[in-house]
Amino acid sequence: MRLQGHCAGCAHAQQTLQFGIERAIKQFVPEVIRVENVA
């Protein structure tokens, strides 16, 4: 996943991915192991 805008350089970007986006995706697709920032 590539974050854009203010999130791209934000110190909290990894927390946003791990505790927000990753958790939401895993609810619908439990096969997902993790979401990584590629930026």
Protein backbone atom coordinates (compact mmCIF):
# COMPACT_ATOMS: atom_id res chain seq x y z
CA MET A 1 0.00 0.00 0.00
CA ARG A 2 1.27 3.48 -0.78
CA LEU A 3 0.12 6.32 1.43
CA GLN A 4 -0.20 9.72 -0.20
CA GLY A 5 -0.67 13.31 0.89
CA HIS A 6 0.14 14.17 4.49
CA CYS A 7 0.29 10.48 5.47
CA ALA A 8 3.22 9.78 3.15
CA GLY A 9 5.75 11.45 5.43
CA CYS A 10 3.90 11.16 8.71
CA ALA A 11 5.65 9.58 11.68
CA HIS A 12 2.41 7.75 12.51
CA ALA A 13 1.96 6.18 9.07
CA GLN A 14 2.99 2.69 10.25
CA GLN A 15 0.50 2.85 13.12
CA THR A 16 -2.22 3.95 10.69
CA LEU A 17 -1.47 0.95 8.49
CA GLN A 18 -1.20 -1.58 11.30
CA PHE A 19 -4.02 -0.55 13.61
CA GLY A 20 -6.44 0.99 11.15
CA ILE A 21 -6.19 -0.22 7.60
CA GLU A 22 -4.70 -3.67 8.25
CA ARG A 23 -7.25 -4.48 10.95
CA ALA A 24 -10.14 -3.45 8.70
CA ILE A 25 -8.85 -5.50 5.75
CA LYS A 26 -8.33 -8.59 7.92
CA GLN A 27 -11.98 -8.49 9.01
CA PHE A 28 -13.06 -9.08 5.42
CA VAL A 29 -10.04 -11.02 4.12
CA PRO A 30 -8.62 -13.13 6.99
CA GLU A 31 -6.00 -14.66 4.68
CA VAL A 32 -4.12 -11.33 4.65
CA ILE A 33 -1.06 -11.62 6.88
CA ARG A 34 -0.02 -7.96 6.96
CA VAL A 35 -0.17 -4.68 5.08
CA GLU A 36 3.12 -2.94 4.30
CA ASN A 37 3.92 0.60 3.26
CA VAL A 38 5.81 0.60 -0.06
CA ALA A 39 6.60 4.33 -0.14
